[in-house]
PDB file of N, CA and C in Angstrom:
ATOM      1  N   MET A   1      16.535 -20.000 -14.759  1.00  0.00           N
ATOM      2  CA  MET A   1      16.734 -20.980 -13.707  1.00  0.00           C
ATOM      3  C   MET A   1      15.889 -22.200 -14.018  1.00  0.00           C
ATOM      4  N   GLY A   2      16.467 -23.387 -13.884  1.00  0.00           N
ATOM      5  CA  GLY A   2      15.755 -24.617 -14.199  1.00  0.00           C
ATOM      6  C   GLY A   2      14.711 -24.973 -13.170  1.00  0.00           C
ATOM      7  N   ALA A   3      13.826 -25.889 -13.550  1.00  0.00           N
ATOM      8  CA  ALA A   3      12.756 -26.304 -12.642  1.00  0.00           C
ATOM      9  C   ALA A   3      13.310 -26.947 -11.383  1.00  0.00           C
ATOM     10  N   LYS A   4      14.388 -27.725 -11.522  1.00  0.00           N
ATOM     11  CA  LYS A   4      14.975 -28.377 -10.351  1.00  0.00           C
ATOM     12  C   LYS A   4      15.493 -27.358  -9.354  1.00  0.00           C
ATOM     13  N   GLU A   5      16.167 -26.304  -9.834  1.00  0.00           N
ATOM     14  CA  GLU A   5      16.686 -25.268  -8.946  1.00  0.00           C
ATOM     15  C   GLU A   5      15.559 -24.524  -8.249  1.00  0.00           C
ATOM     16  N   ALA A   6      14.465 -24.252  -8.965  1.00  0.00           N
ATOM     17  CA  ALA A   6      13.341 -23.531  -8.376  1.00  0.00           C
ATOM     18  C   ALA A   6      12.712 -24.337  -7.250  1.00  0.00           C
ATOM     19  N   GLU A   7      12.690 -25.673  -7.365  1.00  0.00           N
ATOM     20  CA  GLU A   7      12.099 -26.521  -6.338  1.00  0.00           C
ATOM     21  C   GLU A   7      12.921 -26.525  -5.057  1.00  0.00           C
ATOM     22  N   GLU A   8      14.197 -26.138  -5.113  1.00  0.00           N
ATOM     23  CA  GLU A   8      15.055 -26.180  -3.950  1.00  0.00           C
ATOM     24  C   GLU A   8      14.765 -25.076  -2.940  1.00  0.00           C
ATOM     25  N   VAL A   9      14.038 -24.034  -3.337  1.00  0.00           N
ATOM     26  CA  VAL A   9      13.696 -22.971  -2.403  1.00  0.00           C
ATOM     27  C   VAL A   9      12.741 -23.547  -1.366  1.00  0.00           C
ATOM     28  N   CYS A  10      13.093 -23.418  -0.104  1.00  0.00           N
ATOM     29  CA  CYS A  10      12.338 -24.049   0.979  1.00  0.00           C
ATOM     30  C   CYS A  10      10.930 -23.496   1.123  1.00  0.00           C
ATOM     31  N   CYS A  11      10.775 -22.198   1.085  1.00  0.00           N
ATOM     32  CA  CYS A  11       9.489 -21.569   1.378  1.00  0.00           C
ATOM     33  C   CYS A  11       9.053 -20.649   0.251  1.00  0.00           C
ATOM     34  N   PRO A  12       8.521 -21.201  -0.837  1.00  0.00           N
ATOM     35  CA  PRO A  12       8.041 -20.304  -1.890  1.00  0.00           C
ATOM     36  C   PRO A  12       6.931 -19.413  -1.351  1.00  0.00           C
ATOM     37  N   VAL A  13       6.931 -18.170  -1.766  1.00  0.00           N
ATOM     38  CA  VAL A  13       5.976 -17.191  -1.259  1.00  0.00           C
ATOM     39  C   VAL A  13       4.542 -17.646  -1.484  1.00  0.00           C
ATOM     40  N   SER A  14       4.286 -18.357  -2.578  1.00  0.00           N
ATOM     41  CA  SER A  14       2.925 -18.768  -2.897  1.00  0.00           C
ATOM     42  C   SER A  14       2.434 -19.927  -2.042  1.00  0.00           C
ATOM     43  N   ASP A  15       3.288 -20.506  -1.218  1.00  0.00           N
ATOM     44  CA  ASP A  15       2.923 -21.686  -0.446  1.00  0.00           C
ATOM     45  C   ASP A  15       2.564 -21.331   0.995  1.00  0.00           C
ATOM     46  N   ALA A  16       1.557 -20.493   1.172  1.00  0.00           N
ATOM     47  CA  ALA A  16       1.174 -20.023   2.508  1.00  0.00           C
ATOM     48  C   ALA A  16       0.531 -21.125   3.344  1.00  0.00           C
ATOM     49  N   THR A  17       0.130 -22.220   2.734  1.00  0.00           N
ATOM     50  CA  THR A  17      -0.531 -23.283   3.489  1.00  0.00           C
ATOM     51  C   THR A  17       0.407 -23.965   4.470  1.00  0.00           C
ATOM     52  N   ARG A  18       1.705 -23.806   4.301  1.00  0.00           N
ATOM     53  CA  ARG A  18       2.669 -24.426   5.214  1.00  0.00           C
ATOM     54  C   ARG A  18       3.032 -23.518   6.373  1.00  0.00           C
ATOM     55  N   CYS A  19       2.564 -22.312   6.386  1.00  0.00           N
ATOM     56  CA  CYS A  19       2.887 -21.373   7.466  1.00  0.00           C
ATOM     57  C   CYS A  19       2.004 -21.650   8.665  1.00  0.00           C
ATOM     58  N   ARG A  20       2.592 -21.565   9.840  1.00  0.00           N
ATOM     59  CA  ARG A  20       1.822 -21.757  11.070  1.00  0.00           C
ATOM     60  C   ARG A  20       2.547 -21.096  12.231  1.00  0.00           C
ATOM     61  N   VAL A  21       1.825 -20.823  13.282  1.00  0.00           N
ATOM     62  CA  VAL A  21       2.429 -20.268  14.487  1.00  0.00           C
ATOM     63  C   VAL A  21       3.066 -21.435  15.233  1.00  0.00           C
ATOM     64  N   GLU A  22       4.369 -21.363  15.446  1.00  0.00           N
ATOM     65  CA  GLU A  22       5.106 -22.433  16.119  1.00  0.00           C
ATOM     66  C   GLU A  22       5.126 -22.244  17.629  1.00  0.00           C
ATOM     67  N   THR A  23       5.435 -21.036  18.061  1.00  0.00           N
ATOM     68  CA  THR A  23       5.591 -20.759  19.480  1.00  0.00           C
ATOM     69  C   THR A  23       5.606 -19.250  19.672  1.00  0.00           C
ATOM     70  N   LEU A  24       5.509 -18.806  20.877  1.00  0.00           N
ATOM     71  CA  LEU A  24       5.680 -17.396  21.211  1.00  0.00           C
ATOM     72  C   LEU A  24       7.035 -17.233  21.881  1.00  0.00           C
ATOM     73  N   VAL A  25       7.736 -16.178  21.536  1.00  0.00           N
ATOM     74  CA  VAL A  25       9.015 -15.888  22.172  1.00  0.00           C
ATOM     75  C   VAL A  25       8.929 -14.507  22.804  1.00  0.00           C
ATOM     76  N   SER A  26       9.700 -14.307  23.846  1.00  0.00           N
ATOM     77  CA  SER A  26       9.757 -13.014  24.528  1.00  0.00           C
ATOM     78  C   SER A  26      11.053 -12.316  24.175  1.00  0.00           C
ATOM     79  N   VAL A  27      11.012 -11.001  24.168  1.00  0.00           N
ATOM     80  CA  VAL A  27      12.198 -10.189  23.938  1.00  0.00           C
ATOM     81  C   VAL A  27      12.607  -9.605  25.278  1.00  0.00           C
ATOM     82  N   ASP A  28      13.900  -9.764  25.633  1.00  0.00           N
ATOM     83  CA  ASP A  28      14.346  -9.257  26.929  1.00  0.00           C
ATOM     84  C   ASP A  28      14.773  -7.788  26.820  1.00  0.00           C
ATOM     85  N   ASP A  29      15.263  -7.230  27.933  1.00  0.00           N
ATOM     86  CA  ASP A  29      15.653  -5.818  27.997  1.00  0.00           C
ATOM     87  C   ASP A  29      16.727  -5.444  26.981  1.00  0.00           C
ATOM     88  N   ARG A  30      17.553  -6.406  26.593  1.00  0.00           N
ATOM     89  CA  ARG A  30      18.629  -6.144  25.644  1.00  0.00           C
ATOM     90  C   ARG A  30      18.198  -6.393  24.195  1.00  0.00           C
ATOM     91  N   GLY A  31      16.932  -6.741  23.986  1.00  0.00           N
ATOM     92  CA  GLY A  31      16.435  -6.992  22.643  1.00  0.00           C
ATOM     93  C   GLY A  31      16.708  -8.410  22.161  1.00  0.00           C
ATOM     94  N   GLN A  32      17.098  -9.286  23.048  1.00  0.00           N
ATOM     95  CA  GLN A  32      17.403 -10.662  22.663  1.00  0.00           C
ATOM     96  C   GLN A  32      16.195 -11.550  22.888  1.00  0.00           C
ATOM     97  N   MET A  33      16.108 -12.581  22.061  1.00  0.00           N
ATOM     98  CA  MET A  33      15.050 -13.573  22.236  1.00  0.00           C
ATOM     99  C   MET A  33      15.645 -14.957  22.100  1.00  0.00           C
ATOM    100  N   VAL A  34      14.969 -15.934  22.644  1.00  0.00           N
ATOM    101  CA  VAL A  34      15.448 -17.310  22.615  1.00  0.00           C
ATOM    102  C   VAL A  34      14.468 -18.143  21.813  1.00  0.00           C
ATOM    103  N   LEU A  35      15.003 -18.886  20.835  1.00  0.00           N
ATOM    104  CA  LEU A  35      14.175 -19.854  20.119  1.00  0.00           C
ATOM    105  C   LEU A  35      14.167 -21.131  20.946  1.00  0.00           C
ATOM    106  N   PRO A  36      13.006 -21.668  21.260  1.00  0.00           N
ATOM    107  CA  PRO A  36      12.950 -22.875  22.094  1.00  0.00           C
ATOM    108  C   PRO A  36      13.758 -24.033  21.492  1.00  0.00           C
ATOM    109  N   LYS A  37      14.358 -24.832  22.359  1.00  0.00           N
ATOM    110  CA  LYS A  37      15.230 -25.918  21.948  1.00  0.00           C
ATOM    111  C   LYS A  37      14.531 -26.888  21.006  1.00  0.00           C
ATOM    112  N   ASP A  38      13.302 -27.284  21.314  1.00  0.00           N
ATOM    113  CA  ASP A  38      12.618 -28.254  20.457  1.00  0.00           C
ATOM    114  C   ASP A  38      12.418 -27.698  19.044  1.00  0.00           C
ATOM    115  N   PHE A  39      12.152 -26.407  18.937  1.00  0.00           N
ATOM    116  CA  PHE A  39      12.002 -25.793  17.619  1.00  0.00           C
ATOM    117  C   PHE A  39      13.342 -25.755  16.887  1.00  0.00           C
ATOM    118  N   ARG A  40      14.407 -25.345  17.589  1.00  0.00           N
ATOM    119  CA  ARG A  40      15.740 -25.311  16.966  1.00  0.00           C
ATOM    120  C   ARG A  40      16.143 -26.684  16.452  1.00  0.00           C
ATOM    121  N   GLU A  41      15.860 -27.707  17.236  1.00  0.00           N
ATOM    122  CA  GLU A  41      16.202 -29.069  16.813  1.00  0.00           C
ATOM    123  C   GLU A  41      15.412 -29.467  15.569  1.00  0.00           C
ATOM    124  N   ARG A  42      14.106 -29.224  15.561  1.00  0.00           N
ATOM    125  CA  ARG A  42      13.277 -29.575  14.402  1.00  0.00           C
ATOM    126  C   ARG A  42      13.696 -28.793  13.164  1.00  0.00           C
ATOM    127  N   ALA A  43      14.107 -27.540  13.357  1.00  0.00           N
ATOM    128  CA  ALA A  43      14.502 -26.679  12.232  1.00  0.00           C
ATOM    129  C   ALA A  43      15.966 -26.864  11.853  1.00  0.00           C
ATOM    130  N   GLY A  44      16.707 -27.615  12.661  1.00  0.00           N
ATOM    131  CA  GLY A  44      18.124 -27.825  12.370  1.00  0.00           C
ATOM    132  C   GLY A  44      18.952 -26.562  12.541  1.00  0.00           C
ATOM    133  N   ILE A  45      18.530 -25.688  13.460  1.00  0.00           N
ATOM    134  CA  ILE A  45      19.253 -24.441  13.717  1.00  0.00           C
ATOM    135  C   ILE A  45      20.282 -24.688  14.813  1.00  0.00           C
ATOM    136  N   LYS A  46      21.537 -24.359  14.492  1.00  0.00           N
ATOM    137  CA  LYS A  46      22.626 -24.575  15.439  1.00  0.00           C
ATOM    138  C   LYS A  46      23.311 -23.240  15.743  1.00  0.00           C
ATOM    139  N   ALA A  47      24.078 -23.209  16.812  1.00  0.00           N
ATOM    140  CA  ALA A  47      24.846 -22.013  17.167  1.00  0.00           C
ATOM    141  C   ALA A  47      25.708 -21.602  15.980  1.00  0.00           C
ATOM    142  N   GLY A  48      25.710 -20.331  15.669  1.00  0.00           N
ATOM    143  CA  GLY A  48      26.507 -19.812  14.566  1.00  0.00           C
ATOM    144  C   GLY A  48      25.752 -19.724  13.249  1.00  0.00           C
ATOM    145  N   ASP A  49      24.587 -20.373  13.146  1.00  0.00           N
ATOM    146  CA  ASP A  49      23.794 -20.275  11.922  1.00  0.00           C
ATOM    147  C   ASP A  49      23.334 -18.838  11.728  1.00  0.00           C
ATOM    148  N   LYS A  50      23.189 -18.437  10.485  1.00  0.00           N
ATOM    149  CA  LYS A  50      22.745 -17.086  10.158  1.00  0.00           C
ATOM    150  C   LYS A  50      21.275 -17.117   9.756  1.00  0.00           C
ATOM    151  N   LEU A  51      20.491 -16.257  10.387  1.00  0.00           N
ATOM    152  CA  LEU A  51      19.078 -16.105  10.047  1.00  0.00           C
ATOM    153  C   LEU A  51      18.847 -14.675   9.583  1.00  0.00           C
ATOM    154  N   ALA A  52      18.071 -14.515   8.531  1.00  0.00           N
ATOM    155  CA  ALA A  52      17.741 -13.193   8.022  1.00  0.00           C
ATOM    156  C   ALA A  52      16.416 -12.749   8.646  1.00  0.00           C
ATOM    157  N   LEU A  53      16.369 -11.516   9.085  1.00  0.00           N
ATOM    158  CA  LEU A  53      15.157 -10.923   9.639  1.00  0.00           C
ATOM    159  C   LEU A  53      14.491 -10.130   8.518  1.00  0.00           C
ATOM    160  N   VAL A  54      13.302 -10.558   8.110  1.00  0.00           N
ATOM    161  CA  VAL A  54      12.577  -9.939   7.008  1.00  0.00           C
ATOM    162  C   VAL A  54      11.314  -9.299   7.592  1.00  0.00           C
ATOM    163  N   SER A  55      10.992  -8.094   7.132  1.00  0.00           N
ATOM    164  CA  SER A  55       9.796  -7.424   7.666  1.00  0.00           C
ATOM    165  C   SER A  55       8.897  -6.925   6.547  1.00  0.00           C
ATOM    166  N   TRP A  56       7.631  -6.809   6.864  1.00  0.00           N
ATOM    167  CA  TRP A  56       6.646  -6.194   5.984  1.00  0.00           C
ATOM    168  C   TRP A  56       6.136  -4.949   6.687  1.00  0.00           C
ATOM    169  N   GLU A  57       5.990  -3.892   5.923  1.00  0.00           N
ATOM    170  CA  GLU A  57       5.547  -2.613   6.470  1.00  0.00           C
ATOM    171  C   GLU A  57       4.198  -2.243   5.860  1.00  0.00           C
ATOM    172  N   SER A  58       3.325  -1.705   6.689  1.00  0.00           N
ATOM    173  CA  SER A  58       2.025  -1.234   6.234  1.00  0.00           C
ATOM    174  C   SER A  58       1.686   0.033   6.997  1.00  0.00           C
ATOM    175  N   GLY A  59       1.337   1.068   6.287  1.00  0.00           N
ATOM    176  CA  GLY A  59       0.979   2.323   6.939  1.00  0.00           C
ATOM    177  C   GLY A  59       2.120   2.922   7.745  1.00  0.00           C
ATOM    178  N   GLY A  60       3.357   2.686   7.318  1.00  0.00           N
ATOM    179  CA  GLY A  60       4.504   3.253   8.020  1.00  0.00           C
ATOM    180  C   GLY A  60       4.928   2.482   9.258  1.00  0.00           C
ATOM    181  N   LYS A  61       4.282   1.339   9.533  1.00  0.00           N
ATOM    182  CA  LYS A  61       4.639   0.523  10.697  1.00  0.00           C
ATOM    183  C   LYS A  61       4.946  -0.900  10.253  1.00  0.00           C
ATOM    184  N   ILE A  62       5.910  -1.507  10.912  1.00  0.00           N
ATOM    185  CA  ILE A  62       6.208  -2.907  10.633  1.00  0.00           C
ATOM    186  C   ILE A  62       5.095  -3.749  11.244  1.00  0.00           C
ATOM    187  N   CYS A  63       4.462  -4.564  10.394  1.00  0.00           N
ATOM    188  CA  CYS A  63       3.327  -5.356  10.858  1.00  0.00           C
ATOM    189  C   CYS A  63       3.632  -6.850  10.924  1.00  0.00           C
ATOM    190  N   CYS A  64       4.704  -7.286  10.265  1.00  0.00           N
ATOM    191  CA  CYS A  64       5.025  -8.709  10.240  1.00  0.00           C
ATOM    192  C   CYS A  64       6.540  -8.862  10.210  1.00  0.00           C
ATOM    193  N   VAL A  65       7.042  -9.822  10.980  1.00  0.00           N
ATOM    194  CA  VAL A  65       8.472 -10.097  11.034  1.00  0.00           C
ATOM    195  C   VAL A  65       8.652 -11.600  10.789  1.00  0.00           C
ATOM    196  N   LEU A  66       9.618 -11.927   9.952  1.00  0.00           N
ATOM    197  CA  LEU A  66       9.875 -13.312   9.571  1.00  0.00           C
ATOM    198  C   LEU A  66      11.359 -13.598   9.711  1.00  0.00           C
ATOM    199  N   LEU A  67      11.707 -14.752  10.258  1.00  0.00           N
ATOM    200  CA  LEU A  67      13.092 -15.210  10.280  1.00  0.00           C
ATOM    201  C   LEU A  67      13.224 -16.318   9.246  1.00  0.00           C
ATOM    202  N   MET A  68      14.268 -16.235   8.435  1.00  0.00           N
ATOM    203  CA  MET A  68      14.529 -17.313   7.486  1.00  0.00           C
ATOM    204  C   MET A  68      16.029 -17.531   7.379  1.00  0.00           C
ATOM    205  N   ARG A  69      16.404 -18.727   7.001  1.00  0.00           N
ATOM    206  CA  ARG A  69      17.820 -19.034   6.845  1.00  0.00           C
ATOM    207  C   ARG A  69      18.422 -18.101   5.814  1.00  0.00           C
ATOM    208  N   ALA A  70      19.598 -17.580   6.096  1.00  0.00           N
ATOM    209  CA  ALA A  70      20.255 -16.644   5.191  1.00  0.00           C
ATOM    210  C   ALA A  70      20.457 -17.267   3.810  1.00  0.00           C
ATOM    211  N   GLU A  71      20.800 -18.556   3.765  1.00  0.00           N
ATOM    212  CA  GLU A  71      21.010 -19.188   2.463  1.00  0.00           C
ATOM    213  C   GLU A  71      19.708 -19.313   1.667  1.00  0.00           C
ATOM    214  N   GLU A  72      18.581 -19.457   2.356  1.00  0.00           N
ATOM    215  CA  GLU A  72      17.285 -19.498   1.672  1.00  0.00           C
ATOM    216  C   GLU A  72      16.961 -18.126   1.092  1.00  0.00           C
ATOM    217  N   LEU A  73      17.287 -17.084   1.837  1.00  0.00           N
ATOM    218  CA  LEU A  73      17.071 -15.730   1.329  1.00  0.00           C
ATOM    219  C   LEU A  73      17.937 -15.497   0.096  1.00  0.00           C
ATOM    220  N   GLY A  74      19.185 -15.952   0.163  1.00  0.00           N
ATOM    221  CA  GLY A  74      20.074 -15.815  -0.982  1.00  0.00           C
ATOM    222  C   GLY A  74      19.531 -16.529  -2.209  1.00  0.00           C
ATOM    223  N   ALA A  75      18.996 -17.739  -2.017  1.00  0.00           N
ATOM    224  CA  ALA A  75      18.424 -18.500  -3.130  1.00  0.00           C
ATOM    225  C   ALA A  75      17.202 -17.792  -3.698  1.00  0.00           C
ATOM    226  N   LEU A  76      16.386 -17.207  -2.826  1.00  0.00           N
ATOM    227  CA  LEU A  76      15.193 -16.488  -3.273  1.00  0.00           C
ATOM    228  C   LEU A  76      15.578 -15.248  -4.082  1.00  0.00           C
ATOM    229  N   VAL A  77      16.564 -14.500  -3.608  1.00  0.00           N
ATOM    230  CA  VAL A  77      17.028 -13.310  -4.327  1.00  0.00           C
ATOM    231  C   VAL A  77      17.596 -13.711  -5.684  1.00  0.00           C
ATOM    232  N   LYS A  78      18.402 -14.770  -5.693  1.00  0.00           N
ATOM    233  CA  LYS A  78      18.989 -15.236  -6.954  1.00  0.00           C
ATOM    234  C   LYS A  78      17.896 -15.651  -7.934  1.00  0.00           C
ATOM    235  N   GLU A  79      16.871 -16.331  -7.424  1.00  0.00           N
ATOM    236  CA  GLU A  79      15.770 -16.781  -8.281  1.00  0.00           C
ATOM    237  C   GLU A  79      15.047 -15.596  -8.904  1.00  0.00           C
ATOM    238  N   ARG A  80      14.785 -14.578  -8.103  1.00  0.00           N
ATOM    239  CA  ARG A  80      14.015 -13.424  -8.577  1.00  0.00           C
ATOM    240  C   ARG A  80      14.845 -12.435  -9.389  1.00  0.00           C
ATOM    241  N   LEU A  81      16.071 -12.177  -8.942  1.00  0.00           N
ATOM    242  CA  LEU A  81      16.890 -11.157  -9.593  1.00  0.00           C
ATOM    243  C   LEU A  81      17.888 -11.717 -10.600  1.00  0.00           C
ATOM    244  N   GLY A  82      18.169 -13.006 -10.530  1.00  0.00           N
ATOM    245  CA  GLY A  82      19.140 -13.612 -11.422  1.00  0.00           C
ATOM    246  C   GLY A  82      18.884 -13.319 -12.896  1.00  0.00           C
ATOM    247  N   PRO A  83      17.664 -13.570 -13.395  1.00  0.00           N
ATOM    248  CA  PRO A  83      17.403 -13.289 -14.807  1.00  0.00           C
ATOM    249  C   PRO A  83      17.586 -11.803 -15.161  1.00  0.00           C
ATOM    250  N   LEU A  84      17.220 -10.922 -14.270  1.00  0.00           N
ATOM    251  CA  LEU A  84      17.383  -9.490 -14.515  1.00  0.00           C
ATOM    252  C   LEU A  84      18.857  -9.117 -14.575  1.00  0.00           C
ATOM    253  N   LEU A  85      19.645  -9.647 -13.634  1.00  0.00           N
ATOM    254  CA  LEU A  85      21.066  -9.323 -13.579  1.00  0.00           C
ATOM    255  C   LEU A  85      21.829  -9.904 -14.776  1.00  0.00           C
ATOM    256  N   LYS A  86      21.400 -11.064 -15.271  1.00  0.00           N
ATOM    257  CA  LYS A  86      22.052 -11.651 -16.449  1.00  0.00           C
ATOM    258  C   LYS A  86      21.941 -10.709 -17.651  1.00  0.00           C
ATOM    259  N   GLY A  87      20.807 -10.015 -17.749  1.00  0.00           N
ATOM    260  CA  GLY A  87      20.597  -9.087 -18.851  1.00  0.00           C
ATOM    261  C   GLY A  87      21.474  -7.855 -18.751  1.00  0.00           C
ATOM    262  N   LEU A  88      21.966  -7.539 -17.561  1.00  0.00           N
ATOM    263  CA  LEU A  88      22.793  -6.359 -17.364  1.00  0.00           C
ATOM    264  C   LEU A  88      24.272  -6.618 -17.572  1.00  0.00           C
ATOM    265  N   VAL A  89      24.677  -7.861 -17.422  1.00  0.00           N
ATOM    266  CA  VAL A  89      26.106  -8.201 -17.498  1.00  0.00           C
ATOM    267  C   VAL A  89      26.532  -8.443 -18.920  1.00  0.00           C
TER     268      VAL A  89
END
């Protein structure tokens, strides 16, 4: 993968300095949560957009949950697994 393609990934794992707590959300009885409007607008999230729910597990319990755009997850997987898969084909 070229340098230009690698730069297109929005949130490289090594760039933790850009992570911050944006807001707190509540989960209702049905397991649903609402992302505040101002955050959705800043993030460009619209109705119908797909977000991937990513979790980290430690000691058999989920300790961290992350939402990311599905297309960003796809780009990250392609970046990491693409070279490996090319060798198999």
